[in-house]
Every structure is written in structure tokens, then in C-alpha cells.
Amino acid sequence: MKVNSKNDVLALAKAEQNARKKLRLLAVYHFLDGKNRTQIASMLVVSRRIVNEWIKRYLSFGLDGLESKKAKGREPYLNEIQKLKLAKFVEKQSVSATGGRLTGERIHRYIVDNFGVTYHPNSVYKLLESLGYSWITSRSNTISF
């Protein structure tokens, strides 16, 4: 995006809904207004180091440098091929006449035995949900008289 003046940056900051990006835009506005980085950090109540980073990104990449970076996150324990194999196992067991009741513990055992990965029991259900399965089981009702 092309910006012609510090007032354009201020207008963008006023219109910005994302509070973090608004801070970055305000830092650039104050920089273009002639304030030093220490003053900017003090006005915005952030560290001078982060103001230095914002200004460096602005000078290198323009306003595009102020966009938030997507957090990478942790790599999944199972890759896509392993997830497909797990899904095939669940499908096969769910239609098998001899498969019996498929439990989270049994699925967990399959994952450990076939992929060498250990999940927390709750995470097995989250994994199944990410594969498009919902986990529904019946519960017995105990009636006391």
C-alpha cells in the first residue's frame, strides 16, 4: 500500500480494528513525525526493542512489514499419511462384524503400535474430531427405587 504522508499513516491507525497493528501504525506515525524511538516506546508503553523492530520492518517492507506474522505452532505428531491410515483403521473397525466396540484406548494402542507416538487420552478424541469423527457413546442409566 502506498502512503504519501504521516497523516495517511495516522488515518490508517485510526481506522485499524486490530489493536496490535494499530500500535505498529502509531509507532510509524510518530517516527515519521520526527520522534526518536525511545520517545515512541515511552508514548506507546512498549519496549524500545520492539519499536526498533517495527520501524526496521517498516523501512524494509513498507506498511506490509507491519502485518502480523502467522504463528507457526507445533508440528503435529502424525503426518497426513499416518492420519489417513488411522482414518482407514477407524472406518474398517466401525463396519467390521468382529470389530466390537472401538474405544479410545484401542485407538490409542493402534497409534502407539503403528506410529510409535503417544497421545494423551483426551488428545486421541481431539485427533479423531480433526479427522471428522464425532465420539458418541451410550451410557447406562441406573435407576434406584
N, C-alpha and C. Protein backbone atom coordinates (compact mmCIF):
# COMPACT_ATOMS: atom_id res chain seq x y z
N MET A 1 0.83 -1.17 0.00
CA MET A 1 0.00 0.00 0.00
C MET A 1 0.88 1.24 0.00
N LYS A 2 0.56 2.18 -0.84
CA LYS A 2 1.34 3.41 -0.95
C LYS A 2 0.80 4.44 0.02
N VAL A 3 1.71 5.02 0.80
CA VAL A 3 1.36 6.04 1.77
C VAL A 3 2.11 7.31 1.39
N ASN A 4 1.39 8.41 1.32
CA ASN A 4 2.00 9.66 0.90
C ASN A 4 2.51 10.50 2.05
N SER A 5 1.96 10.32 3.23
CA SER A 5 2.38 11.19 4.34
C SER A 5 2.11 10.53 5.68
N LYS A 6 2.64 11.18 6.72
CA LYS A 6 2.40 10.68 8.06
C LYS A 6 0.91 10.75 8.40
N ASN A 7 0.18 11.71 7.80
CA ASN A 7 -1.26 11.81 8.06
C ASN A 7 -2.01 10.61 7.49
N ASP A 8 -1.51 10.07 6.37
CA ASP A 8 -2.11 8.85 5.82
C ASP A 8 -1.94 7.69 6.79
N VAL A 9 -0.76 7.61 7.41
CA VAL A 9 -0.49 6.54 8.39
C VAL A 9 -1.39 6.73 9.61
N LEU A 10 -1.57 7.97 10.04
CA LEU A 10 -2.45 8.24 11.18
C LEU A 10 -3.89 7.86 10.86
N ALA A 11 -4.33 8.15 9.65
CA ALA A 11 -5.70 7.78 9.23
C ALA A 11 -5.85 6.26 9.23
N LEU A 12 -4.82 5.55 8.76
CA LEU A 12 -4.87 4.09 8.78
C LEU A 12 -4.94 3.57 10.21
N ALA A 13 -4.15 4.18 11.10
CA ALA A 13 -4.14 3.76 12.51
C ALA A 13 -5.51 3.97 13.14
N LYS A 14 -6.15 5.09 12.85
CA LYS A 14 -7.48 5.37 13.42
C LYS A 14 -8.53 4.39 12.91
N ALA A 15 -8.38 3.95 11.67
CA ALA A 15 -9.36 3.03 11.08
C ALA A 15 -9.08 1.57 11.42
N GLU A 16 -7.88 1.26 11.90
CA GLU A 16 -7.49 -0.12 12.16
C GLU A 16 -8.24 -0.70 13.35
N GLN A 17 -8.79 -1.90 13.17
CA GLN A 17 -9.53 -2.59 14.24
C GLN A 17 -8.62 -3.43 15.13
N ASN A 18 -7.55 -3.96 14.56
CA ASN A 18 -6.62 -4.79 15.30
C ASN A 18 -5.74 -3.90 16.18
N ALA A 19 -5.83 -4.07 17.49
CA ALA A 19 -5.12 -3.20 18.43
C ALA A 19 -3.60 -3.29 18.27
N ARG A 20 -3.08 -4.46 18.00
CA ARG A 20 -1.63 -4.62 17.85
C ARG A 20 -1.12 -3.91 16.59
N LYS A 21 -1.87 -4.07 15.52
CA LYS A 21 -1.45 -3.39 14.29
C LYS A 21 -1.60 -1.88 14.45
N LYS A 22 -2.62 -1.45 15.17
CA LYS A 22 -2.80 -0.03 15.43
C LYS A 22 -1.58 0.55 16.14
N LEU A 23 -1.03 -0.19 17.12
CA LEU A 23 0.18 0.26 17.81
C LEU A 23 1.35 0.39 16.84
N ARG A 24 1.51 -0.59 15.95
CA ARG A 24 2.60 -0.54 14.99
C ARG A 24 2.46 0.67 14.07
N LEU A 25 1.22 0.93 13.63
CA LEU A 25 0.98 2.09 12.77
C LEU A 25 1.25 3.40 13.52
N LEU A 26 0.85 3.46 14.78
CA LEU A 26 1.12 4.67 15.57
C LEU A 26 2.62 4.88 15.76
N ALA A 27 3.35 3.81 15.94
CA ALA A 27 4.80 3.92 16.06
C ALA A 27 5.40 4.52 14.79
N VAL A 28 4.93 4.05 13.64
CA VAL A 28 5.43 4.59 12.37
C VAL A 28 5.03 6.05 12.22
N TYR A 29 3.80 6.37 12.59
CA TYR A 29 3.35 7.77 12.52
C TYR A 29 4.28 8.67 13.34
N HIS A 30 4.55 8.30 14.57
CA HIS A 30 5.41 9.12 15.43
C HIS A 30 6.84 9.17 14.88
N PHE A 31 7.30 8.07 14.28
CA PHE A 31 8.63 8.05 13.66
C PHE A 31 8.68 9.05 12.51
N LEU A 32 7.65 9.03 11.66
CA LEU A 32 7.60 9.97 10.53
C LEU A 32 7.42 11.42 11.01
N ASP A 33 6.86 11.57 12.21
CA ASP A 33 6.66 12.89 12.79
C ASP A 33 7.95 13.44 13.42
N GLY A 34 9.01 12.62 13.42
CA GLY A 34 10.29 13.09 13.89
C GLY A 34 10.65 12.70 15.32
N LYS A 35 9.83 11.89 15.96
CA LYS A 35 10.13 11.45 17.32
C LYS A 35 11.18 10.34 17.26
N ASN A 36 12.03 10.27 18.30
CA ASN A 36 13.00 9.18 18.32
C ASN A 36 12.36 7.92 18.90
N ARG A 37 13.04 6.82 18.76
CA ARG A 37 12.46 5.52 19.13
C ARG A 37 12.22 5.39 20.63
N THR A 38 13.05 6.01 21.42
CA THR A 38 12.84 5.99 22.88
C THR A 38 11.56 6.73 23.25
N GLN A 39 11.33 7.88 22.63
CA GLN A 39 10.11 8.64 22.88
C GLN A 39 8.87 7.85 22.45
N ILE A 40 8.98 7.21 21.29
CA ILE A 40 7.85 6.41 20.79
C ILE A 40 7.54 5.27 21.75
N ALA A 41 8.56 4.58 22.20
CA ALA A 41 8.36 3.47 23.14
C ALA A 41 7.69 3.97 24.41
N SER A 42 8.10 5.11 24.89
CA SER A 42 7.52 5.67 26.11
C SER A 42 6.04 6.05 25.89
N MET A 43 5.75 6.68 24.76
CA MET A 43 4.36 7.10 24.46
C MET A 43 3.43 5.90 24.32
N LEU A 44 3.92 4.84 23.68
CA LEU A 44 3.07 3.67 23.40
C LEU A 44 3.15 2.60 24.49
N VAL A 45 4.00 2.85 25.49
CA VAL A 45 4.20 1.94 26.62
C VAL A 45 4.57 0.54 26.12
N VAL A 46 5.60 0.52 25.29
CA VAL A 46 6.17 -0.74 24.81
C VAL A 46 7.69 -0.61 24.92
N SER A 47 8.41 -1.69 24.71
CA SER A 47 9.87 -1.64 24.82
C SER A 47 10.47 -0.95 23.59
N ARG A 48 11.63 -0.37 23.81
CA ARG A 48 12.34 0.29 22.71
C ARG A 48 12.75 -0.75 21.67
N ARG A 49 13.09 -1.94 22.11
CA ARG A 49 13.49 -3.01 21.19
C ARG A 49 12.38 -3.31 20.19
N ILE A 50 11.14 -3.37 20.66
CA ILE A 50 10.04 -3.70 19.75
C ILE A 50 9.77 -2.55 18.80
N VAL A 51 9.91 -1.32 19.28
CA VAL A 51 9.76 -0.16 18.38
C VAL A 51 10.84 -0.22 17.30
N ASN A 52 12.08 -0.55 17.69
CA ASN A 52 13.15 -0.70 16.71
C ASN A 52 12.78 -1.73 15.65
N GLU A 53 12.21 -2.85 16.09
CA GLU A 53 11.81 -3.90 15.15
C GLU A 53 10.72 -3.40 14.20
N TRP A 54 9.70 -2.74 14.73
CA TRP A 54 8.61 -2.24 13.89
C TRP A 54 9.12 -1.25 12.85
N ILE A 55 9.97 -0.32 13.28
CA ILE A 55 10.49 0.69 12.36
C ILE A 55 11.38 0.04 11.31
N LYS A 56 12.19 -0.92 11.72
CA LYS A 56 13.05 -1.64 10.78
C LYS A 56 12.20 -2.36 9.73
N ARG A 57 11.13 -3.03 10.16
CA ARG A 57 10.25 -3.73 9.22
C ARG A 57 9.56 -2.74 8.29
N TYR A 58 9.16 -1.59 8.83
CA TYR A 58 8.51 -0.56 8.00
C TYR A 58 9.49 -0.04 6.96
N LEU A 59 10.72 0.27 7.37
CA LEU A 59 11.70 0.81 6.44
C LEU A 59 12.10 -0.21 5.37
N SER A 60 12.09 -1.49 5.72
CA SER A 60 12.46 -2.54 4.77
C SER A 60 11.33 -2.94 3.84
N PHE A 61 10.11 -3.03 4.39
CA PHE A 61 9.00 -3.60 3.62
C PHE A 61 7.79 -2.69 3.47
N GLY A 62 7.88 -1.48 3.99
CA GLY A 62 6.73 -0.57 3.93
C GLY A 62 5.66 -1.03 4.90
N LEU A 63 4.44 -0.64 4.63
CA LEU A 63 3.33 -1.00 5.52
C LEU A 63 3.08 -2.50 5.57
N ASP A 64 3.45 -3.22 4.51
CA ASP A 64 3.29 -4.68 4.52
C ASP A 64 4.13 -5.32 5.62
N GLY A 65 5.23 -4.68 5.99
CA GLY A 65 6.08 -5.19 7.06
C GLY A 65 5.44 -5.11 8.43
N LEU A 66 4.34 -4.37 8.55
CA LEU A 66 3.66 -4.22 9.84
C LEU A 66 2.57 -5.26 10.06
N GLU A 67 2.32 -6.08 9.04
CA GLU A 67 1.30 -7.13 9.18
C GLU A 67 1.76 -8.16 10.21
N SER A 68 0.82 -8.75 10.90
CA SER A 68 1.12 -9.78 11.88
C SER A 68 1.63 -11.03 11.17
N LYS A 69 2.60 -11.66 11.78
CA LYS A 69 3.10 -12.93 11.26
C LYS A 69 2.26 -14.05 11.84
N LYS A 70 1.91 -14.99 11.00
CA LYS A 70 1.13 -16.13 11.47
C LYS A 70 2.03 -17.02 12.33
N ALA A 71 1.53 -17.37 13.50
CA ALA A 71 2.28 -18.26 14.39
C ALA A 71 2.37 -19.64 13.75
N LYS A 72 3.56 -20.21 13.75
CA LYS A 72 3.76 -21.50 13.11
C LYS A 72 3.16 -22.63 13.93
N GLY A 73 3.36 -22.61 15.22
CA GLY A 73 2.80 -23.66 16.06
C GLY A 73 3.65 -24.93 16.02
N ARG A 74 3.27 -25.87 16.84
CA ARG A 74 3.98 -27.13 16.95
C ARG A 74 3.60 -28.03 15.78
N GLU A 75 4.56 -28.80 15.31
CA GLU A 75 4.29 -29.77 14.26
C GLU A 75 3.39 -30.87 14.82
N PRO A 76 2.43 -31.37 14.04
CA PRO A 76 1.57 -32.45 14.53
C PRO A 76 2.37 -33.74 14.74
N TYR A 77 1.92 -34.57 15.66
CA TYR A 77 2.59 -35.83 15.93
C TYR A 77 2.47 -36.79 14.75
N LEU A 78 1.31 -36.78 14.10
CA LEU A 78 1.09 -37.66 12.95
C LEU A 78 1.08 -36.83 11.67
N ASN A 79 1.75 -37.33 10.64
CA ASN A 79 1.70 -36.64 9.36
C ASN A 79 0.41 -37.01 8.64
N GLU A 80 0.18 -36.42 7.47
CA GLU A 80 -1.08 -36.62 6.77
C GLU A 80 -1.29 -38.08 6.34
N ILE A 81 -0.24 -38.75 5.94
CA ILE A 81 -0.35 -40.16 5.53
C ILE A 81 -0.75 -41.02 6.72
N GLN A 82 -0.12 -40.76 7.88
CA GLN A 82 -0.46 -41.51 9.09
C GLN A 82 -1.91 -41.24 9.51
N LYS A 83 -2.35 -40.01 9.36
CA LYS A 83 -3.74 -39.68 9.70
C LYS A 83 -4.71 -40.43 8.78
N LEU A 84 -4.36 -40.55 7.51
CA LEU A 84 -5.20 -41.31 6.58
C LEU A 84 -5.26 -42.78 6.97
N LYS A 85 -4.11 -43.34 7.37
CA LYS A 85 -4.08 -44.74 7.81
C LYS A 85 -4.95 -44.92 9.06
N LEU A 86 -4.87 -43.97 9.97
CA LEU A 86 -5.70 -44.03 11.18
C LEU A 86 -7.18 -43.97 10.81
N ALA A 87 -7.54 -43.07 9.90
CA ALA A 87 -8.93 -42.96 9.47
C ALA A 87 -9.42 -44.26 8.83
N LYS A 88 -8.57 -44.88 8.02
CA LYS A 88 -8.94 -46.17 7.41
C LYS A 88 -9.14 -47.24 8.47
N PHE A 89 -8.29 -47.24 9.50
CA PHE A 89 -8.43 -48.19 10.61
C PHE A 89 -9.78 -47.99 11.31
N VAL A 90 -10.11 -46.76 11.61
CA VAL A 90 -11.38 -46.46 12.31
C VAL A 90 -12.56 -46.88 11.44
N GLU A 91 -12.50 -46.55 10.16
CA GLU A 91 -13.59 -46.94 9.25
C GLU A 91 -13.73 -48.46 9.17
N LYS A 92 -12.61 -49.15 9.02
CA LYS A 92 -12.62 -50.61 8.90
C LYS A 92 -13.19 -51.24 10.17
N GLN A 93 -12.77 -50.74 11.33
CA GLN A 93 -13.24 -51.31 12.59
C GLN A 93 -14.71 -51.00 12.85
N SER A 94 -15.17 -49.86 12.36
CA SER A 94 -16.56 -49.49 12.64
C SER A 94 -17.56 -50.31 11.83
N VAL A 95 -17.13 -50.86 10.70
CA VAL A 95 -18.04 -51.68 9.90
C VAL A 95 -17.77 -53.17 10.05
N SER A 96 -16.72 -53.53 10.75
CA SER A 96 -16.36 -54.93 10.93
C SER A 96 -17.34 -55.63 11.87
N ALA A 97 -17.79 -56.81 11.45
CA ALA A 97 -18.70 -57.58 12.30
C ALA A 97 -17.98 -58.10 13.53
N THR A 98 -16.68 -58.30 13.44
CA THR A 98 -15.93 -58.83 14.58
C THR A 98 -15.16 -57.72 15.31
N GLY A 99 -15.33 -56.49 14.86
CA GLY A 99 -14.56 -55.39 15.42
C GLY A 99 -14.90 -55.06 16.85
N GLY A 100 -16.13 -55.28 17.24
CA GLY A 100 -16.52 -54.95 18.60
C GLY A 100 -16.58 -53.46 18.80
N ARG A 101 -16.66 -53.07 20.04
CA ARG A 101 -16.74 -51.65 20.37
C ARG A 101 -15.35 -51.03 20.24
N LEU A 102 -15.26 -49.97 19.47
CA LEU A 102 -13.99 -49.28 19.25
C LEU A 102 -13.86 -48.20 20.33
N THR A 103 -12.88 -48.37 21.20
CA THR A 103 -12.68 -47.43 22.31
C THR A 103 -11.50 -46.52 22.03
N GLY A 104 -11.46 -45.41 22.78
CA GLY A 104 -10.33 -44.51 22.68
C GLY A 104 -9.03 -45.20 23.04
N GLU A 105 -9.11 -46.11 24.01
CA GLU A 105 -7.92 -46.85 24.43
C GLU A 105 -7.41 -47.73 23.29
N ARG A 106 -8.33 -48.35 22.55
CA ARG A 106 -7.94 -49.21 21.44
C ARG A 106 -7.32 -48.38 20.30
N ILE A 107 -7.89 -47.23 20.06
CA ILE A 107 -7.34 -46.34 19.03
C ILE A 107 -5.95 -45.86 19.45
N HIS A 108 -5.82 -45.53 20.73
CA HIS A 108 -4.53 -45.10 21.26
C HIS A 108 -3.48 -46.21 21.08
N ARG A 109 -3.86 -47.44 21.38
CA ARG A 109 -2.95 -48.58 21.23
C ARG A 109 -2.54 -48.73 19.77
N TYR A 110 -3.48 -48.55 18.84
CA TYR A 110 -3.18 -48.64 17.41
C TYR A 110 -2.14 -47.57 17.02
N ILE A 111 -2.32 -46.36 17.51
CA ILE A 111 -1.40 -45.26 17.19
C ILE A 111 0.00 -45.57 17.72
N VAL A 112 0.07 -46.03 18.98
CA VAL A 112 1.38 -46.36 19.57
C VAL A 112 2.04 -47.49 18.81
N ASP A 113 1.29 -48.56 18.54
CA ASP A 113 1.86 -49.73 17.87
C ASP A 113 2.30 -49.46 16.44
N ASN A 114 1.53 -48.65 15.72
CA ASN A 114 1.80 -48.45 14.30
C ASN A 114 2.66 -47.23 13.98
N PHE A 115 2.60 -46.22 14.83
CA PHE A 115 3.31 -44.98 14.52
C PHE A 115 4.34 -44.59 15.58
N GLY A 116 4.36 -45.31 16.71
CA GLY A 116 5.33 -45.01 17.76
C GLY A 116 5.11 -43.66 18.43
N VAL A 117 3.88 -43.21 18.45
CA VAL A 117 3.54 -41.90 19.02
C VAL A 117 2.57 -42.11 20.17
N THR A 118 2.80 -41.39 21.26
CA THR A 118 1.92 -41.49 22.42
C THR A 118 1.13 -40.20 22.57
N TYR A 119 -0.16 -40.32 22.59
CA TYR A 119 -1.05 -39.19 22.81
C TYR A 119 -1.64 -39.28 24.21
N HIS A 120 -1.98 -38.14 24.78
CA HIS A 120 -2.79 -38.11 26.00
C HIS A 120 -4.17 -38.61 25.60
N PRO A 121 -4.86 -39.35 26.48
CA PRO A 121 -6.18 -39.88 26.11
C PRO A 121 -7.15 -38.82 25.56
N ASN A 122 -7.17 -37.63 26.15
CA ASN A 122 -8.06 -36.58 25.64
C ASN A 122 -7.67 -36.15 24.23
N SER A 123 -6.39 -36.21 23.94
CA SER A 123 -5.92 -35.79 22.61
C SER A 123 -6.30 -36.78 21.53
N VAL A 124 -6.50 -38.04 21.90
CA VAL A 124 -6.97 -39.02 20.92
C VAL A 124 -8.33 -38.60 20.39
N TYR A 125 -9.21 -38.15 21.27
CA TYR A 125 -10.54 -37.72 20.85
C TYR A 125 -10.47 -36.45 20.02
N LYS A 126 -9.56 -35.54 20.36
CA LYS A 126 -9.38 -34.32 19.57
C LYS A 126 -8.85 -34.67 18.18
N LEU A 127 -7.94 -35.64 18.11
CA LEU A 127 -7.42 -36.09 16.83
C LEU A 127 -8.54 -36.67 15.98
N LEU A 128 -9.37 -37.49 16.58
CA LEU A 128 -10.50 -38.07 15.85
C LEU A 128 -11.45 -36.98 15.34
N GLU A 129 -11.67 -35.98 16.17
CA GLU A 129 -12.54 -34.87 15.76
C GLU A 129 -11.93 -34.13 14.57
N SER A 130 -10.61 -33.93 14.59
CA SER A 130 -9.96 -33.25 13.46
C SER A 130 -10.05 -34.07 12.17
N LEU A 131 -10.24 -35.38 12.31
CA LEU A 131 -10.40 -36.25 11.15
C LEU A 131 -11.86 -36.35 10.69
N GLY A 132 -12.74 -35.65 11.40
CA GLY A 132 -14.14 -35.63 11.00
C GLY A 132 -15.03 -36.62 11.73
N TYR A 133 -14.54 -37.23 12.79
CA TYR A 133 -15.33 -38.18 13.55
C TYR A 133 -15.87 -37.51 14.81
N SER A 134 -17.09 -37.85 15.15
CA SER A 134 -17.61 -37.41 16.45
C SER A 134 -17.67 -38.63 17.33
N TRP A 135 -17.36 -38.44 18.58
CA TRP A 135 -17.29 -39.55 19.51
C TRP A 135 -18.53 -39.55 20.37
N ILE A 136 -19.42 -40.48 20.09
CA ILE A 136 -20.66 -40.59 20.85
C ILE A 136 -20.73 -42.01 21.41
N THR A 137 -21.03 -42.11 22.66
CA THR A 137 -21.16 -43.42 23.27
C THR A 137 -22.39 -43.41 24.18
N SER A 138 -22.98 -44.57 24.35
CA SER A 138 -24.15 -44.64 25.23
C SER A 138 -23.69 -44.82 26.66
N ARG A 139 -24.52 -44.40 27.56
CA ARG A 139 -24.25 -44.59 28.98
C ARG A 139 -25.46 -45.25 29.60
N SER A 140 -25.19 -46.11 30.54
CA SER A 140 -26.32 -46.77 31.18
C SER A 140 -26.92 -45.85 32.23
N ASN A 141 -28.22 -45.92 32.35
CA ASN A 141 -28.92 -45.15 33.38
C ASN A 141 -29.21 -46.09 34.54
N THR A 142 -28.77 -45.72 35.70
CA THR A 142 -29.05 -46.51 36.88
C THR A 142 -30.23 -45.86 37.60
N ILE A 143 -31.27 -46.62 37.77
CA ILE A 143 -32.44 -46.10 38.45
C ILE A 143 -32.55 -46.79 39.80
N SER A 144 -32.59 -46.04 40.85
CA SER A 144 -32.75 -46.64 42.17
C SER A 144 -34.16 -46.37 42.68
N PHE A 145 -34.68 -47.37 43.28
CA PHE A 145 -36.02 -47.25 43.85
C PHE A 145 -35.97 -47.27 45.33
